C-alpha atoms as a PDB file:
ATOM      1  CA  MET A   1     129.960  80.833  94.820  1.00  0.00           C
ATOM      2  CA  LEU A   2     126.746  82.821  94.570  1.00  0.00           C
ATOM      3  CA  LEU A   3     126.697  86.544  95.323  1.00  0.00           C
ATOM      4  CA  THR A   4     123.306  87.932  96.397  1.00  0.00           C
ATOM      5  CA  ILE A   5     122.662  91.677  96.315  1.00  0.00           C
ATOM      6  CA  ASN A   6     119.666  93.423  97.895  1.00  0.00           C
ATOM      7  CA  ILE A   7     119.448  97.044  96.688  1.00  0.00           C
ATOM      8  CA  GLY A   8     117.375  99.234  98.984  1.00  0.00           C
ATOM      9  CA  ASN A   9     116.690 102.949  99.259  1.00  0.00           C
ATOM     10  CA  SER A  10     119.181 103.442 102.108  1.00  0.00           C
ATOM     11  CA  SER A  11     121.671 100.603 101.743  1.00  0.00           C
ATOM     12  CA  ILE A  12     122.893  97.710  99.630  1.00  0.00           C
ATOM     13  CA  ARG A  13     123.294  94.363 101.410  1.00  0.00           C
ATOM     14  CA  PHE A  14     125.634  91.721  99.948  1.00  0.00           C
ATOM     15  CA  GLY A  15     125.682  88.054 100.830  1.00  0.00           C
ATOM     16  CA  LEU A  16     128.042  85.343  99.611  1.00  0.00           C
ATOM     17  CA  PHE A  17     127.014  81.670  99.612  1.00  0.00           C
ATOM     18  CA  LYS A  18     129.641  78.977  99.053  1.00  0.00           C
ATOM     19  CA  ASN A  19     127.316  75.966  99.078  1.00  0.00           C
ATOM     20  CA  ASN A  20     123.789  75.048  98.076  1.00  0.00           C
ATOM     21  CA  ASN A  21     122.442  75.556 101.600  1.00  0.00           C
ATOM     22  CA  LEU A  22     121.196  78.746 103.232  1.00  0.00           C
ATOM     23  CA  LYS A  23     124.283  79.430 105.294  1.00  0.00           C
ATOM     24  CA  CYS A  24     125.602  82.834 104.257  1.00  0.00           C
ATOM     25  CA  ASN A  25     129.399  82.710 104.503  1.00  0.00           C
ATOM     26  CA  TYR A  26     130.068  86.444 104.175  1.00  0.00           C
ATOM     27  CA  SER A  27     127.845  89.503 104.326  1.00  0.00           C
ATOM     28  CA  TRP A  28     128.540  93.217 104.152  1.00  0.00           C
ATOM     29  CA  ILE A  29     126.651  96.435 103.570  1.00  0.00           C
ATOM     30  CA  THR A  30     127.231  99.790 101.879  1.00  0.00           C
ATOM     31  CA  ASN A  31     125.290 103.029 101.516  1.00  0.00           C
ATOM     32  CA  SER A  32     123.083 103.291  98.419  1.00  0.00           C
ATOM     33  CA  ASN A  33     122.593 107.035  98.546  1.00  0.00           C
ATOM     34  CA  PRO A  34     123.738 109.067  96.702  1.00  0.00           C
ATOM     35  CA  ILE A  35     123.951 107.081  93.457  1.00  0.00           C
ATOM     36  CA  LYS A  36     127.536 106.745  92.252  1.00  0.00           C
ATOM     37  CA  SER A  37     128.923 106.627  88.738  1.00  0.00           C
ATOM     38  CA  LEU A  38     129.676 103.355  86.935  1.00  0.00           C
ATOM     39  CA  ASP A  39     133.412 103.751  87.567  1.00  0.00           C
ATOM     40  CA  GLU A  40     132.816 104.534  91.239  1.00  0.00           C
ATOM     41  CA  TYR A  41     130.744 101.362  91.720  1.00  0.00           C
ATOM     42  CA  THR A  42     133.341  99.281  89.879  1.00  0.00           C
ATOM     43  CA  PHE A  43     136.080 100.638  92.148  1.00  0.00           C
ATOM     44  CA  LEU A  44     133.888 100.176  95.255  1.00  0.00           C
ATOM     45  CA  PHE A  45     133.050  96.523  94.487  1.00  0.00           C
ATOM     46  CA  LYS A  46     136.642  95.603  93.735  1.00  0.00           C
ATOM     47  CA  LYS A  47     137.702  97.293  96.989  1.00  0.00           C
ATOM     48  CA  MET A  48     135.056  95.357  98.952  1.00  0.00           C
ATOM     49  CA  TYR A  49     136.172  92.054  97.413  1.00  0.00           C
ATOM     50  CA  LYS A  50     139.772  92.774  98.351  1.00  0.00           C
ATOM     51  CA  LYS A  51     138.816  93.800 101.897  1.00  0.00           C
ATOM     52  CA  ASN A  52     136.865  90.562 102.415  1.00  0.00           C
ATOM     53  CA  ASN A  53     139.531  88.369 100.729  1.00  0.00           C
ATOM     54  CA  ILE A  54     137.112  87.339  97.963  1.00  0.00           C
ATOM     55  CA  PHE A  55     138.601  86.181  94.657  1.00  0.00           C
ATOM     56  CA  LEU A  56     136.667  87.320  91.573  1.00  0.00           C
ATOM     57  CA  ASN A  57     137.005  83.971  89.809  1.00  0.00           C
ATOM     58  CA  LYS A  58     135.301  82.194  92.730  1.00  0.00           C
ATOM     59  CA  ILE A  59     132.022  84.073  92.120  1.00  0.00           C
ATOM     60  CA  LYS A  60     130.224  82.092  89.419  1.00  0.00           C
ATOM     61  CA  TYR A  61     126.675  83.459  89.815  1.00  0.00           C
ATOM     62  CA  ILE A  62     125.073  86.709  90.952  1.00  0.00           C
ATOM     63  CA  VAL A  63     121.442  87.465  91.799  1.00  0.00           C
ATOM     64  CA  ILE A  64     120.100  90.981  92.310  1.00  0.00           C
ATOM     65  CA  GLY A  65     116.887  92.160  93.927  1.00  0.00           C
ATOM     66  CA  SER A  66     116.168  95.877  93.907  1.00  0.00           C
ATOM     67  CA  VAL A  67     113.581  98.516  94.765  1.00  0.00           C
ATOM     68  CA  VAL A  68     115.664 101.309  93.169  1.00  0.00           C
ATOM     69  CA  PRO A  69     115.464 100.899  89.342  1.00  0.00           C
ATOM     70  CA  PRO A  70     117.945 103.698  88.443  1.00  0.00           C
ATOM     71  CA  LEU A  71     120.520 102.125  90.744  1.00  0.00           C
ATOM     72  CA  THR A  72     119.890  98.596  89.463  1.00  0.00           C
ATOM     73  CA  LYS A  73     121.103  99.393  85.965  1.00  0.00           C
ATOM     74  CA  ARG A  74     124.276 101.100  87.213  1.00  0.00           C
ATOM     75  CA  ILE A  75     125.205  98.222  89.518  1.00  0.00           C
ATOM     76  CA  LEU A  76     124.323  95.632  86.867  1.00  0.00           C
ATOM     77  CA  GLN A  77     126.669  97.290  84.363  1.00  0.00           C
ATOM     78  CA  SER A  78     129.438  97.462  86.955  1.00  0.00           C
ATOM     79  CA  LEU A  79     129.154  93.781  87.876  1.00  0.00           C
ATOM     80  CA  GLU A  80     129.061  92.748  84.208  1.00  0.00           C
ATOM     81  CA  GLU A  81     132.248  94.711  83.654  1.00  0.00           C
ATOM     82  CA  ILE A  82     133.969  93.124  86.654  1.00  0.00           C
ATOM     83  CA  HIS A  83     132.838  89.509  86.237  1.00  0.00           C
ATOM     84  CA  GLY A  84     132.208  89.180  82.504  1.00  0.00           C
ATOM     85  CA  PHE A  85     128.763  87.582  82.822  1.00  0.00           C
ATOM     86  CA  ASN A  86     125.154  88.728  83.315  1.00  0.00           C
ATOM     87  CA  PRO A  87     123.716  88.627  86.846  1.00  0.00           C
ATOM     88  CA  LEU A  88     120.165  87.332  87.297  1.00  0.00           C
ATOM     89  CA  ILE A  89     117.674  90.025  88.307  1.00  0.00           C
ATOM     90  CA  VAL A  90     114.630  88.822  90.257  1.00  0.00           C
ATOM     91  CA  ASP A  91     111.438  90.698  91.093  1.00  0.00           C
ATOM     92  CA  ARG A  92     107.808  90.079  92.130  1.00  0.00           C
ATOM     93  CA  ASN A  93     107.176  88.280  88.826  1.00  0.00           C
ATOM     94  CA  SER A  94     109.945  85.730  89.322  1.00  0.00           C
ATOM     95  CA  ILE A  95     108.936  82.101  89.852  1.00  0.00           C
ATOM     96  CA  SER A  96     108.556  80.858  93.447  1.00  0.00           C
ATOM     97  CA  SER A  97     106.249  78.976  95.788  1.00  0.00           C
ATOM     98  CA  VAL A  98     104.706  82.265  96.997  1.00  0.00           C
ATOM     99  CA  LYS A  99     101.487  83.547  95.446  1.00  0.00           C
ATOM    100  CA  HIS A 100     100.306  87.140  95.164  1.00  0.00           C
ATOM    101  CA  ASN A 101      98.239  89.288  92.812  1.00  0.00           C
ATOM    102  CA  SER A 102     100.006  92.609  93.327  1.00  0.00           C
ATOM    103  CA  ASN A 103     101.640  94.691  90.598  1.00  0.00           C
ATOM    104  CA  GLN A 104     103.279  96.905  93.233  1.00  0.00           C
ATOM    105  CA  LEU A 105     104.968  94.362  95.509  1.00  0.00           C
ATOM    106  CA  GLY A 106     108.572  95.282  96.265  1.00  0.00           C
ATOM    107  CA  THR A 107     111.242  92.698  95.507  1.00  0.00           C
ATOM    108  CA  ASP A 108     112.514  92.838  99.102  1.00  0.00           C
ATOM    109  CA  LEU A 109     109.075  92.015 100.519  1.00  0.00           C
ATOM    110  CA  TYR A 110     108.639  89.245  97.953  1.00  0.00           C
ATOM    111  CA  ALA A 111     112.025  87.769  98.896  1.00  0.00           C
ATOM    112  CA  ASN A 112     111.060  87.988 102.576  1.00  0.00           C
ATOM    113  CA  ALA A 113     107.870  86.058 101.911  1.00  0.00           C
ATOM    114  CA  VAL A 114     109.677  83.434  99.841  1.00  0.00           C
ATOM    115  CA  ALA A 115     112.317  82.867 102.525  1.00  0.00           C
ATOM    116  CA  SER A 116     109.769  82.569 105.320  1.00  0.00           C
ATOM    117  CA  HIS A 117     107.591  80.118 103.377  1.00  0.00           C
ATOM    118  CA  GLU A 118     110.487  77.905 102.266  1.00  0.00           C
ATOM    119  CA  ILE A 119     112.442  77.929 105.534  1.00  0.00           C
ATOM    120  CA  TYR A 120     109.877  77.972 108.342  1.00  0.00           C
ATOM    121  CA  LYS A 121     106.758  76.379 106.796  1.00  0.00           C
ATOM    122  CA  GLN A 122     104.372  77.760 109.426  1.00  0.00           C
ATOM    123  CA  THR A 123     100.575  77.960 109.393  1.00  0.00           C
ATOM    124  CA  ALA A 124     100.861  81.752 109.202  1.00  0.00           C
ATOM    125  CA  THR A 125     103.972  83.905 109.115  1.00  0.00           C
ATOM    126  CA  LEU A 126     104.532  87.622 109.652  1.00  0.00           C
ATOM    127  CA  ILE A 127     107.825  89.136 108.500  1.00  0.00           C
ATOM    128  CA  ILE A 128     108.758  92.486 110.028  1.00  0.00           C
ATOM    129  CA  ASP A 129     111.392  94.324 107.991  1.00  0.00           C
ATOM    130  CA  PHE A 130     113.111  97.164 109.830  1.00  0.00           C
ATOM    131  CA  GLY A 131     114.329  98.889 106.664  1.00  0.00           C
ATOM    132  CA  THR A 132     113.964 102.354 105.166  1.00  0.00           C
ATOM    133  CA  SER A 133     110.280 101.816 105.873  1.00  0.00           C
ATOM    134  CA  LEU A 134     108.855  99.509 108.509  1.00  0.00           C
ATOM    135  CA  SER A 135     106.944  96.736 106.743  1.00  0.00           C
ATOM    136  CA  LEU A 136     104.966  93.722 107.948  1.00  0.00           C
ATOM    137  CA  THR A 137     104.204  90.994 105.387  1.00  0.00           C
ATOM    138  CA  CYS A 138     101.759  88.207 106.239  1.00  0.00           C
ATOM    139  CA  ILE A 139     101.609  84.886 104.366  1.00  0.00           C
ATOM    140  CA  ASP A 140      99.579  81.730 104.982  1.00  0.00           C
ATOM    141  CA  LYS A 141     100.611  78.054 104.988  1.00  0.00           C
ATOM    142  CA  ASN A 142     100.050  77.803 101.231  1.00  0.00           C
ATOM    143  CA  GLY A 143     102.444  80.667 100.501  1.00  0.00           C
ATOM    144  CA  LYS A 144      99.740  83.193  99.677  1.00  0.00           C
ATOM    145  CA  ILE A 145     100.468  86.757 100.739  1.00  0.00           C
ATOM    146  CA  LYS A 146      97.517  87.813 102.895  1.00  0.00           C
ATOM    147  CA  GLY A 147      98.498  91.466 103.034  1.00  0.00           C
ATOM    148  CA  ILE A 148     101.161  94.007 103.950  1.00  0.00           C
ATOM    149  CA  ILE A 149     101.470  96.911 106.396  1.00  0.00           C
ATOM    150  CA  ILE A 150     103.885  99.778 105.701  1.00  0.00           C
ATOM    151  CA  ALA A 151     104.772 102.515 108.199  1.00  0.00           C
ATOM    152  CA  PRO A 152     107.446 105.246 108.268  1.00  0.00           C
ATOM    153  CA  GLY A 153     110.887 103.795 108.906  1.00  0.00           C
ATOM    154  CA  ILE A 154     112.400 104.186 112.354  1.00  0.00           C
ATOM    155  CA  ASN A 155     115.583 105.884 111.167  1.00  0.00           C
ATOM    156  CA  THR A 156     113.532 108.135 108.865  1.00  0.00           C
ATOM    157  CA  SER A 157     111.376 109.202 111.813  1.00  0.00           C
ATOM    158  CA  LEU A 158     114.362 109.956 114.021  1.00  0.00           C
ATOM    159  CA  ILE A 159     116.082 111.979 111.292  1.00  0.00           C
ATOM    160  CA  SER A 160     112.870 113.920 110.674  1.00  0.00           C
ATOM    161  CA  LEU A 161     112.561 114.679 114.384  1.00  0.00           C
ATOM    162  CA  THR A 162     116.177 115.768 114.938  1.00  0.00           C
ATOM    163  CA  ASN A 163     117.143 117.118 111.507  1.00  0.00           C
ATOM    164  CA  ASN A 164     117.492 120.791 112.459  1.00  0.00           C
ATOM    165  CA  ASN A 165     119.335 120.273 115.729  1.00  0.00           C
ATOM    166  CA  LYS A 166     122.997 119.239 115.718  1.00  0.00           C
ATOM    167  CA  GLU A 167     122.912 117.981 119.311  1.00  0.00           C
ATOM    168  CA  LEU A 168     119.777 115.891 118.815  1.00  0.00           C
ATOM    169  CA  SER A 169     121.164 114.424 115.586  1.00  0.00           C
ATOM    170  CA  LYS A 170     123.755 112.573 117.722  1.00  0.00           C
ATOM    171  CA  ILE A 171     121.128 110.495 119.541  1.00  0.00           C
ATOM    172  CA  GLU A 172     121.807 106.756 119.262  1.00  0.00           C
ATOM    173  CA  PHE A 173     119.343 103.888 118.872  1.00  0.00           C
ATOM    174  CA  GLU A 174     119.586 102.670 122.453  1.00  0.00           C
ATOM    175  CA  LYS A 175     117.073 101.540 125.046  1.00  0.00           C
ATOM    176  CA  PRO A 176     116.650 104.391 127.560  1.00  0.00           C
ATOM    177  CA  PRO A 177     116.929 103.675 131.305  1.00  0.00           C
ATOM    178  CA  THR A 178     113.218 104.370 131.865  1.00  0.00           C
ATOM    179  CA  VAL A 179     110.087 104.772 129.754  1.00  0.00           C
ATOM    180  CA  LEU A 180     109.498 108.267 131.165  1.00  0.00           C
ATOM    181  CA  GLY A 181     112.538 110.316 130.182  1.00  0.00           C
ATOM    182  CA  LYS A 182     113.939 113.187 132.234  1.00  0.00           C
ATOM    183  CA  TYR A 183     116.361 114.486 129.604  1.00  0.00           C
ATOM    184  CA  THR A 184     115.656 115.192 125.935  1.00  0.00           C
ATOM    185  CA  LYS A 185     117.934 112.371 124.773  1.00  0.00           C
ATOM    186  CA  PHE A 186     116.093 109.768 126.856  1.00  0.00           C
ATOM    187  CA  CYS A 187     112.685 111.224 125.991  1.00  0.00           C
ATOM    188  CA  ILE A 188     113.341 110.783 122.287  1.00  0.00           C
ATOM    189  CA  GLN A 189     114.902 107.342 122.751  1.00  0.00           C
ATOM    190  CA  SER A 190     111.808 106.248 124.658  1.00  0.00           C
ATOM    191  CA  GLY A 191     109.544 107.431 121.851  1.00  0.00           C
ATOM    192  CA  ILE A 192     111.639 105.774 119.154  1.00  0.00           C
ATOM    193  CA  ILE A 193     112.279 102.506 121.022  1.00  0.00           C
ATOM    194  CA  TYR A 194     109.173 101.954 123.121  1.00  0.00           C
ATOM    195  CA  GLY A 195     106.834 103.866 120.828  1.00  0.00           C
ATOM    196  CA  TYR A 196     107.717 101.750 117.799  1.00  0.00           C
ATOM    197  CA  LEU A 197     107.835  98.605 119.933  1.00  0.00           C
ATOM    198  CA  SER A 198     104.289  99.242 121.127  1.00  0.00           C
ATOM    199  CA  MET A 199     103.150  99.827 117.546  1.00  0.00           C
ATOM    200  CA  ILE A 200     104.802  96.600 116.387  1.00  0.00           C
ATOM    201  CA  GLU A 201     103.292  94.534 119.215  1.00  0.00           C
ATOM    202  CA  GLY A 202      99.899  96.139 118.583  1.00  0.00           C
ATOM    203  CA  LEU A 203     100.030  95.412 114.852  1.00  0.00           C
ATOM    204  CA  ILE A 204     101.035  91.785 115.472  1.00  0.00           C
ATOM    205  CA  GLU A 205      98.067  91.412 117.803  1.00  0.00           C
ATOM    206  CA  LYS A 206      95.678  93.000 115.289  1.00  0.00           C
ATOM    207  CA  VAL A 207      96.947  90.795 112.429  1.00  0.00           C
ATOM    208  CA  ASN A 208      96.554  87.667 114.577  1.00  0.00           C
ATOM    209  CA  LYS A 209      93.009  88.696 115.456  1.00  0.00           C
ATOM    210  CA  GLU A 210      92.104  89.507 111.842  1.00  0.00           C
ATOM    211  CA  ILE A 211      93.286  86.186 110.376  1.00  0.00           C
ATOM    212  CA  GLY A 212      92.295  84.122 113.410  1.00  0.00           C
ATOM    213  CA  ILE A 213      95.745  82.516 113.783  1.00  0.00           C
ATOM    214  CA  LYS A 214      98.796  83.427 115.834  1.00  0.00           C
ATOM    215  CA  CYS A 215     101.545  84.235 113.357  1.00  0.00           C
ATOM    216  CA  PHE A 216     105.113  83.016 113.564  1.00  0.00           C
ATOM    217  CA  VAL A 217     106.973  86.338 113.563  1.00  0.00           C
ATOM    218  CA  ILE A 218     110.345  86.908 111.881  1.00  0.00           C
ATOM    219  CA  ALA A 219     112.284  90.153 112.215  1.00  0.00           C
ATOM    220  CA  THR A 220     114.872  91.315 109.709  1.00  0.00           C
ATOM    221  CA  GLY A 221     116.533  94.533 108.576  1.00  0.00           C
ATOM    222  CA  GLY A 222     119.131  96.883 110.007  1.00  0.00           C
ATOM    223  CA  LEU A 223     117.472  97.685 113.338  1.00  0.00           C
ATOM    224  CA  SER A 224     115.798  94.342 114.043  1.00  0.00           C
ATOM    225  CA  HIS A 225     118.500  93.389 116.571  1.00  0.00           C
ATOM    226  CA  ILE A 226     117.492  96.338 118.787  1.00  0.00           C
ATOM    227  CA  TYR A 227     113.772  95.549 118.968  1.00  0.00           C
ATOM    228  CA  SER A 228     113.717  91.740 118.916  1.00  0.00           C
ATOM    229  CA  PRO A 229     115.176  91.259 122.435  1.00  0.00           C
ATOM    230  CA  LEU A 230     112.591  93.661 123.905  1.00  0.00           C
ATOM    231  CA  THR A 231     109.502  91.587 123.076  1.00  0.00           C
ATOM    232  CA  ASN A 232     108.231  88.020 123.163  1.00  0.00           C
ATOM    233  CA  SER A 233     106.088  88.719 120.096  1.00  0.00           C
ATOM    234  CA  ILE A 234     109.064  88.221 117.750  1.00  0.00           C
ATOM    235  CA  HIS A 235     110.162  84.584 117.453  1.00  0.00           C
ATOM    236  CA  VAL A 236     113.202  84.826 115.161  1.00  0.00           C
ATOM    237  CA  ASN A 237     115.604  87.637 114.334  1.00  0.00           C
ATOM    238  CA  ASP A 238     117.618  87.190 111.121  1.00  0.00           C
ATOM    239  CA  LYS A 239     119.225  90.228 109.482  1.00  0.00           C
ATOM    240  CA  LEU A 240     120.083  88.067 106.460  1.00  0.00           C
ATOM    241  CA  HIS A 241     116.517  86.864 105.878  1.00  0.00           C
ATOM    242  CA  THR A 242     116.029  88.922 102.687  1.00  0.00           C
ATOM    243  CA  ILE A 243     119.221  87.797 100.966  1.00  0.00           C
ATOM    244  CA  LYS A 244     118.353  84.186 101.831  1.00  0.00           C
ATOM    245  CA  GLY A 245     115.097  84.843  99.987  1.00  0.00           C
ATOM    246  CA  LEU A 246     117.087  86.117  96.992  1.00  0.00           C
ATOM    247  CA  LYS A 247     119.165  82.935  97.011  1.00  0.00           C
ATOM    248  CA  ILE A 248     115.984  80.834  97.026  1.00  0.00           C
ATOM    249  CA  LEU A 249     114.593  82.910  94.157  1.00  0.00           C
ATOM    250  CA  PHE A 250     117.833  82.305  92.259  1.00  0.00           C
ATOM    251  CA  ASN A 251     117.388  78.553  92.673  1.00  0.00           C
ATOM    252  CA  PHE A 252     113.787  78.787  91.458  1.00  0.00           C
ATOM    253  CA  ASN A 253     114.632  80.886  88.413  1.00  0.00           C
ATOM    254  CA  TYR A 254     118.100  79.956  87.198  1.00  0.00           C
ATOM    255  CA  LYS A 255     117.469  77.831  84.128  1.00  0.00           C
ATOM    256  CA  ASN A 256     119.525  74.815  85.266  1.00  0.00           C
ATOM    257  CA  LYS A 257     118.849  75.130  89.033  1.00  0.00           C
ATOM    258  CA  ILE A 258     122.487  74.333  89.557  1.00  0.00           C
ATOM    259  CA  ILE A 259     124.260  73.485  92.791  1.00  0.00           C
ATOM    260  CA  ILE A 260     126.483  76.377  93.775  1.00  0.00           C
END
């Protein structure tokens, strides 16, 4: 089995693949902040394996993508201690069918682009990642990254807005009953839900106009399931899109390109 790990600023997403296809058999998530000690991560991973009925000896390969370098080393050491072999770390310089000329491209955005190009094979694709930040990555039919948009993350914005008020900090990510709210809770929900939705739809329209092609739009990330049903501008919602990209990168870069 192959274990894929996507290390982000807010969370760590795990995905377990039993076969050489892109069906993820198990997936789970844990908080990445604050950074734990080596022993704490070792204990946490073993606990997660036990909870999900995963046998250590079944995991033969591990691939890691990360945007948090200090955390990468700690998790790498922990996994080496548990499994007795070195996981493969991929980044923007890893081999794939996607082309870019950036020395700042995040591994998560690179994996998103790789997955979209290999899986969907569209004339133009736009991947919206509802992560710690809100990002939109555009690639063309040849796998070239046309450009990226990054905006403040939705959860980050809500926390910033409600941080000093205990009552407001309890507001959930839910669609309000109306656009015009009559109570503070609904007013804020309208701004967070419909405000961001309008921005997303507007950015999709502007990207389509700029490149002269209507993009095939993929949504991923923790909050994608809330926004995708509210618009026809998003064609596919897949919260596991990034870890599928990591699996594809593993296949491109593992020296023997083995079958899992």
